[in-house]
Amino acid sequence: MSPLAHLVALPIRAYRLFLSPWVGHGCRFQPTCSVYALEALAKRGAVTGTWLTVRRLVRCHPWGGSGYDPVPERKR
């Protein structure tokens, strides 16, 4: 993971440590959004990983999808 990706991951790690236990486990996707965000940052870097995470969070609403939704692989 790049240094910038590590920096972007800090709030996600803080959320998982401090807020996630209080919020509950009602995520409709697998893996959860925070796990997805950390995977996207690790696999795709800070800019693309952040973009993928924002796209995923926008889809997370009562009328959105659900189920298995992994980080997409890079197109070559």
Protein backbone atom coordinates (compact mmCIF):
# COMPACT_ATOMS: atom_id res chain seq x y z
CA MET A 1 0.00 0.00 0.00
CA SER A 2 1.34 3.44 -0.89
CA PRO A 3 1.96 6.06 1.80
CA LEU A 4 -1.04 8.07 0.59
CA ALA A 5 -3.24 4.97 0.73
CA HIS A 6 -2.09 4.37 4.31
CA LEU A 7 -3.09 7.93 5.15
CA VAL A 8 -6.52 7.52 3.54
CA ALA A 9 -7.00 4.21 5.40
CA LEU A 10 -6.52 5.79 8.86
CA PRO A 11 -10.11 7.09 9.22
CA ILE A 12 -11.44 3.72 8.03
CA ARG A 13 -9.35 1.88 10.61
CA ALA A 14 -10.50 4.34 13.30
CA TYR A 15 -14.13 3.73 12.28
CA ARG A 16 -13.64 -0.02 12.53
CA LEU A 17 -11.99 0.28 15.93
CA PHE A 18 -14.23 2.85 17.63
CA LEU A 19 -17.58 3.22 15.84
CA SER A 20 -18.28 -0.10 14.17
CA PRO A 21 -18.92 -2.00 17.43
CA TRP A 22 -21.54 0.61 18.40
CA VAL A 23 -23.24 0.85 15.00
CA GLY A 24 -23.96 -2.85 14.64
CA HIS A 25 -23.55 -5.34 11.85
CA GLY A 26 -26.24 -4.62 9.32
CA CYS A 27 -24.19 -4.42 6.14
CA ARG A 28 -26.02 -5.70 3.09
CA PHE A 29 -22.87 -6.43 1.11
CA GLN A 30 -20.16 -9.02 1.57
CA PRO A 31 -17.39 -7.99 2.29
CA THR A 32 -18.52 -5.11 4.48
CA CYS A 33 -17.93 -1.58 3.25
CA SER A 34 -14.98 -0.96 5.57
CA VAL A 35 -13.27 -4.20 4.51
CA TYR A 36 -14.01 -3.35 0.88
CA ALA A 37 -12.46 0.10 1.35
CA LEU A 38 -9.25 -1.29 2.86
CA GLU A 39 -8.99 -3.92 0.10
CA ALA A 40 -9.60 -1.31 -2.61
CA LEU A 41 -6.90 0.95 -1.16
CA ALA A 42 -4.44 -1.95 -0.92
CA LYS A 43 -5.12 -3.31 -4.41
CA ARG A 44 -5.76 -0.16 -6.42
CA GLY A 45 -4.02 2.70 -4.58
CA ALA A 46 -5.31 5.86 -2.93
CA VAL A 47 -7.10 7.58 -5.82
CA THR A 48 -8.81 4.62 -7.48
CA GLY A 49 -9.41 2.90 -4.14
CA THR A 50 -11.14 6.00 -2.79
CA TRP A 51 -13.26 6.25 -5.95
CA LEU A 52 -14.30 2.58 -5.68
CA THR A 53 -15.15 3.06 -2.00
CA VAL A 54 -17.31 6.11 -2.70
CA ARG A 55 -19.13 4.20 -5.45
CA ARG A 56 -19.78 1.34 -3.04
CA LEU A 57 -21.05 3.66 -0.28
CA VAL A 58 -23.45 5.35 -2.72
CA ARG A 59 -24.93 1.95 -3.58
CA CYS A 60 -25.48 1.15 0.11
CA HIS A 61 -29.07 2.34 0.64
CA PRO A 62 -32.40 0.57 1.24
CA TRP A 63 -33.18 0.30 -2.49
CA GLY A 64 -29.63 -0.63 -3.50
CA GLY A 65 -28.17 -4.01 -4.17
CA SER A 66 -26.86 -6.64 -1.81
CA GLY A 67 -24.78 -9.80 -1.83
CA TYR A 68 -21.21 -10.59 -2.73
CA ASP A 69 -19.42 -7.56 -4.18
CA PRO A 70 -15.60 -7.89 -4.30
CA VAL A 71 -13.13 -5.22 -5.38
CA PRO A 72 -12.93 -5.43 -9.19
CA GLU A 73 -9.67 -6.61 -10.69
CA ARG A 74 -7.63 -4.30 -12.88
CA LYS A 75 -8.32 -4.46 -16.59
CA ARG A 76 -5.22 -5.20 -18.61
